[in-house]
Amino acid sequence: MKGIVLAGGTGSRLFPLTKITNKHLLPIFDKPMIFYPIETLVAAGIRDILLVTGGRNSGDFLRLLANGKEFGLKHLNYTYQEGEGGIADALALAEHFADGEKICVILGDNIIEGSIGAAVEEFEEQEHGARILLKEVHDAERFGVADLRGDRIAGIEEKPRNPKSNYAVTGIYMYDGTVFDKVKRLAPSGRGELEITDVNNAYIAEGTMTFSFLDGWWTDAGTFESLLRAANLVAHSRRSRPAGA
């Protein structure tokens, strides 16, 4: 399986921190934010990785990450997103890289405590379709929310006023090769963007969406509050880790 890290966008909610740098290059405790999603993929056994970035500071990623040697990679791929077309628009740039294979997509500001290794293995065995990772949260209205009906998802609603569950869709998605055809059929949302929730709902409509629950804590880091929360969570994990671990 190939991995794709989406790290474009202007990071406007973190202005002025993002006035002179990309959001994903900001520090989360002792590492740049972008290190965490790459480490998540590598820990799950994914070694062929594409980084999608954009904006005026995209060259800084190359200076920071080079060919990914620090992560044990032989090569790290890059591509550039022009403008603000949304998550699905950024994903569309990875079609050539994916080359029909299954992919694991992670948003560049998503930081997790645990591993996605088990979910990746389950999706490798899944014949076709998609798999998303869910996490129970207390503020589900901030996220895309899964409407769970037993062992299936009936639909995903983006930032609902009255969530149908407390299970947020994390920014980690696994897709088969048909994802790019689904993106091409999308119409821009009211925000003028191609929404990843619409991609996920397309898989749900054809009955090929599965899900796993994410172990450990999970947070994004796209606001001042969540940026601080992410740093505190990582710091706490470092302090509580047994010596030598």
Protein backbone atom coordinates (compact mmCIF):
# COMPACT_ATOMS: atom_id res chain seq x y z
CA MET A 1 0.00 0.00 0.00
CA LYS A 2 1.17 3.52 -0.76
CA GLY A 3 0.89 6.48 1.61
CA ILE A 4 -0.17 10.05 0.91
CA VAL A 5 0.28 12.96 3.33
CA LEU A 6 -1.84 16.02 2.55
CA ALA A 7 -0.05 19.15 3.76
CA GLY A 8 -1.30 22.00 1.60
CA GLY A 9 -3.53 24.89 2.58
CA THR A 10 -2.74 28.33 3.93
CA GLY A 11 -3.33 27.62 7.63
CA SER A 12 -5.36 30.82 7.92
CA ARG A 13 -6.77 29.83 11.31
CA LEU A 14 -3.23 29.92 12.71
CA PHE A 15 -2.34 33.38 11.37
CA PRO A 16 0.07 35.11 12.13
CA LEU A 17 2.04 31.93 12.95
CA THR A 18 1.56 30.90 9.32
CA LYS A 19 2.41 34.28 7.80
CA ILE A 20 5.95 33.15 6.99
CA THR A 21 5.71 29.35 7.10
CA ASN A 22 3.43 26.44 6.26
CA LYS A 23 1.18 25.24 9.10
CA HIS A 24 2.61 21.73 8.89
CA LEU A 25 6.11 23.00 9.65
CA LEU A 26 5.09 24.46 13.01
CA PRO A 27 6.43 22.63 16.08
CA ILE A 28 4.43 20.07 18.02
CA PHE A 29 6.47 19.72 21.22
CA ASP A 30 9.88 18.50 19.99
CA LYS A 31 9.23 17.87 16.26
CA PRO A 32 7.77 19.68 13.26
CA MET A 33 4.10 18.81 12.78
CA ILE A 34 4.74 17.05 9.45
CA PHE A 35 6.95 14.45 11.13
CA TYR A 36 4.00 12.86 12.95
CA PRO A 37 1.84 11.75 9.98
CA ILE A 38 4.91 10.45 8.14
CA GLU A 39 5.92 8.46 11.23
CA THR A 40 2.35 7.09 11.45
CA LEU A 41 2.57 5.69 7.92
CA VAL A 42 6.08 4.31 8.37
CA ALA A 43 5.13 2.59 11.64
CA ALA A 44 2.30 0.86 9.75
CA GLY A 45 4.78 -0.56 7.26
CA ILE A 46 4.14 1.95 4.47
CA ARG A 47 7.37 3.01 2.79
CA ASP A 48 6.26 4.51 -0.55
CA ILE A 49 4.99 7.95 0.44
CA LEU A 50 3.88 11.09 -1.43
CA LEU A 51 3.72 14.50 0.25
CA VAL A 52 1.22 16.96 -1.23
CA THR A 53 2.01 20.53 -0.27
CA GLY A 54 1.34 24.03 -1.56
CA GLY A 55 1.71 27.73 -0.86
CA ARG A 56 4.76 29.97 -0.85
CA ASN A 57 6.77 27.87 1.58
CA SER A 58 6.58 24.48 -0.13
CA GLY A 59 10.33 24.43 -0.72
CA ASP A 60 10.88 24.32 3.02
CA PHE A 61 9.53 20.75 3.09
CA LEU A 62 12.30 19.60 0.79
CA ARG A 63 14.93 21.30 2.94
CA LEU A 64 13.48 19.73 6.08
CA LEU A 65 12.61 16.24 4.88
CA ALA A 66 14.94 15.71 1.89
CA ASN A 67 14.47 12.12 0.70
CA GLY A 68 13.06 10.85 3.99
CA LYS A 69 16.25 9.23 5.27
CA GLU A 70 15.43 10.32 8.81
CA PHE A 71 12.31 8.11 8.64
CA GLY A 72 14.13 5.12 7.20
CA LEU A 73 12.90 5.83 3.67
CA LYS A 74 14.97 5.48 0.51
CA HIS A 75 12.87 8.07 -1.30
CA LEU A 76 10.14 10.61 -0.53
CA ASN A 77 7.86 11.87 -3.31
CA TYR A 78 6.49 15.41 -3.57
CA THR A 79 3.78 17.19 -5.53
CA TYR A 80 2.31 20.70 -5.42
CA GLN A 81 -1.30 21.84 -4.97
CA GLU A 82 -2.17 25.17 -6.52
CA GLY A 83 -4.81 27.20 -4.71
CA GLU A 84 -7.32 26.09 -2.07
CA GLY A 85 -9.39 23.36 -3.69
CA GLY A 86 -10.01 21.23 -0.61
CA ILE A 87 -8.82 17.85 0.61
CA ALA A 88 -10.27 15.85 -2.27
CA ASP A 89 -8.70 18.26 -4.76
CA ALA A 90 -5.30 17.67 -3.14
CA LEU A 91 -5.88 13.92 -3.23
CA ALA A 92 -6.57 14.07 -6.97
CA LEU A 93 -2.95 15.10 -7.51
CA ALA A 94 -1.85 11.66 -6.29
CA GLU A 95 -3.55 9.66 -9.06
CA HIS A 96 -0.37 9.09 -11.06
CA PHE A 97 1.57 8.19 -7.91
CA ALA A 98 -1.09 5.69 -6.76
CA ASP A 99 -1.10 3.98 -10.16
CA GLY A 100 -4.20 1.95 -9.32
CA GLU A 101 -2.89 0.61 -6.01
CA LYS A 102 -4.54 0.92 -2.61
CA ILE A 103 -3.60 4.06 -0.71
CA CYS A 104 -3.60 5.30 2.87
CA VAL A 105 -4.24 9.05 3.09
CA ILE A 106 -3.48 11.07 6.21
CA LEU A 107 -3.98 14.76 6.82
CA GLY A 108 -0.78 16.55 7.69
CA ASP A 109 -2.13 18.02 10.93
CA ASN A 110 -3.49 14.75 12.35
CA ILE A 111 -1.53 13.37 15.29
CA ILE A 112 -2.28 10.09 17.00
CA GLU A 113 -1.00 8.19 20.01
CA GLY A 114 -1.44 4.65 18.75
CA SER A 115 -0.86 2.71 15.55
CA ILE A 116 -2.92 2.23 12.40
CA GLY A 117 -1.07 -0.98 11.59
CA ALA A 118 -4.00 -3.31 12.29
CA ALA A 119 -6.39 -1.21 10.17
CA VAL A 120 -3.88 -1.15 7.31
CA GLU A 121 -3.58 -4.95 7.44
CA GLU A 122 -7.36 -5.34 7.44
CA PHE A 123 -7.69 -3.06 4.44
CA GLU A 124 -4.95 -4.94 2.59
CA GLU A 125 -7.15 -8.04 2.90
CA GLN A 126 -10.30 -6.14 1.90
CA GLU A 127 -11.08 -6.92 -1.73
CA HIS A 128 -12.14 -3.40 -2.69
CA GLY A 129 -13.72 -0.22 -1.33
CA ALA A 130 -12.54 2.03 1.48
CA ARG A 131 -11.86 2.02 5.21
CA ILE A 132 -11.92 4.97 7.60
CA LEU A 133 -10.83 5.33 11.20
CA LEU A 134 -13.30 6.58 13.79
CA LYS A 135 -12.72 8.07 17.22
CA GLU A 136 -15.27 8.78 19.94
CA VAL A 137 -15.14 12.48 20.91
CA HIS A 138 -17.08 14.88 23.13
CA ASP A 139 -17.32 17.63 20.49
CA ALA A 140 -18.47 15.68 17.44
CA GLU A 141 -20.09 18.76 15.89
CA ARG A 142 -16.59 19.99 14.95
CA PHE A 143 -15.97 17.06 12.62
CA GLY A 144 -17.40 14.77 10.02
CA VAL A 145 -19.62 12.40 12.03
CA ALA A 146 -20.42 8.78 11.20
CA ASP A 147 -24.03 7.59 11.43
CA LEU A 148 -23.39 4.08 12.72
CA ARG A 149 -25.95 1.33 12.21
CA GLY A 150 -24.48 -1.77 13.83
CA ASP A 151 -21.46 -2.87 11.81
CA ARG A 152 -22.00 -0.42 8.97
CA ILE A 153 -21.96 3.32 8.35
CA ALA A 154 -25.20 4.71 6.96
CA GLY A 155 -23.66 8.07 6.13
CA ILE A 156 -21.27 10.82 7.17
CA GLU A 157 -22.46 14.34 7.99
CA GLU A 158 -19.99 17.22 8.00
CA LYS A 159 -20.01 19.37 11.16
CA PRO A 160 -23.65 18.62 12.10
CA ARG A 161 -25.50 20.75 14.65
CA ASN A 162 -27.06 17.61 16.10
CA PRO A 163 -24.61 14.72 15.60
CA LYS A 164 -26.12 11.26 15.11
CA SER A 165 -23.23 9.73 17.05
CA ASN A 166 -20.14 10.75 18.98
CA TYR A 167 -17.84 9.09 16.45
CA ALA A 168 -15.74 11.53 14.46
CA VAL A 169 -14.11 10.58 11.18
CA THR A 170 -10.40 11.09 11.74
CA GLY A 171 -8.18 12.42 8.99
CA ILE A 172 -6.97 8.94 8.02
CA TYR A 173 -8.57 7.30 4.99
CA MET A 174 -7.83 4.13 3.01
CA TYR A 175 -9.04 3.83 -0.57
CA ASP A 176 -8.89 1.49 -3.52
CA GLY A 177 -8.05 2.66 -7.02
CA THR A 178 -11.59 3.87 -7.78
CA VAL A 179 -11.21 6.86 -5.46
CA PHE A 180 -9.93 9.10 -8.24
CA ASP A 181 -12.96 8.42 -10.43
CA LYS A 182 -15.13 9.38 -7.47
CA VAL A 183 -13.20 12.63 -6.99
CA LYS A 184 -13.67 13.50 -10.66
CA ARG A 185 -17.44 13.22 -10.24
CA LEU A 186 -17.58 15.60 -7.28
CA ALA A 187 -19.15 19.05 -7.44
CA PRO A 188 -17.71 21.85 -5.29
CA SER A 189 -19.43 22.35 -1.94
CA GLY A 190 -20.82 25.61 -0.64
CA ARG A 191 -17.27 26.46 0.41
CA GLY A 192 -16.13 26.08 -3.19
CA GLU A 193 -14.07 22.99 -2.35
CA LEU A 194 -14.10 19.30 -3.21
CA GLU A 195 -14.98 17.63 0.07
CA ILE A 196 -13.48 14.36 1.30
CA THR A 197 -16.77 13.64 3.09
CA ASP A 198 -18.45 13.44 -0.33
CA VAL A 199 -15.83 10.88 -1.42
CA ASN A 200 -16.51 8.79 1.68
CA ASN A 201 -20.26 9.00 1.19
CA ALA A 202 -19.81 7.77 -2.39
CA TYR A 203 -18.20 4.61 -1.04
CA ILE A 204 -20.98 4.29 1.54
CA ALA A 205 -23.59 4.59 -1.22
CA GLU A 206 -22.07 1.67 -3.12
CA GLY A 207 -21.81 -0.40 0.08
CA THR A 208 -18.01 -0.74 0.14
CA MET A 209 -17.08 1.43 3.12
CA THR A 210 -15.69 -0.27 6.24
CA PHE A 211 -14.30 1.22 9.43
CA SER A 212 -12.02 0.68 12.39
CA PHE A 213 -11.88 2.40 15.76
CA LEU A 214 -8.68 4.29 16.52
CA ASP A 215 -6.91 3.39 19.76
CA GLY A 216 -5.33 6.05 21.96
CA TRP A 217 -5.79 9.79 21.67
CA TRP A 218 -6.19 11.67 18.41
CA THR A 219 -6.16 15.37 17.59
CA ASP A 220 -5.78 17.72 14.71
CA ALA A 221 -3.63 20.83 15.07
CA GLY A 222 -5.32 23.38 12.85
CA THR A 223 -6.37 25.93 15.48
CA PHE A 224 -4.53 27.61 18.33
CA GLU A 225 -6.41 25.45 20.82
CA SER A 226 -5.76 22.15 19.05
CA LEU A 227 -2.13 23.11 18.35
CA LEU A 228 -1.60 23.54 22.09
CA ARG A 229 -3.56 20.36 22.86
CA ALA A 230 -1.42 18.37 20.42
CA ALA A 231 1.80 19.62 22.03
CA ASN A 232 0.53 18.80 25.52
CA LEU A 233 -0.60 15.31 24.50
CA VAL A 234 2.74 14.53 22.89
CA ALA A 235 4.65 15.93 25.88
CA HIS A 236 2.59 13.83 28.29
CA SER A 237 3.21 10.72 26.18
CA ARG A 238 6.96 11.37 26.22
CA ARG A 239 6.99 11.78 30.03
CA SER A 240 4.89 8.68 30.66
CA ARG A 241 6.86 6.42 28.32
CA PRO A 242 8.99 3.83 30.17
CA ALA A 243 12.73 4.47 30.14
CA GLY A 244 14.40 2.98 27.10
CA ALA A 245 11.11 2.61 25.19
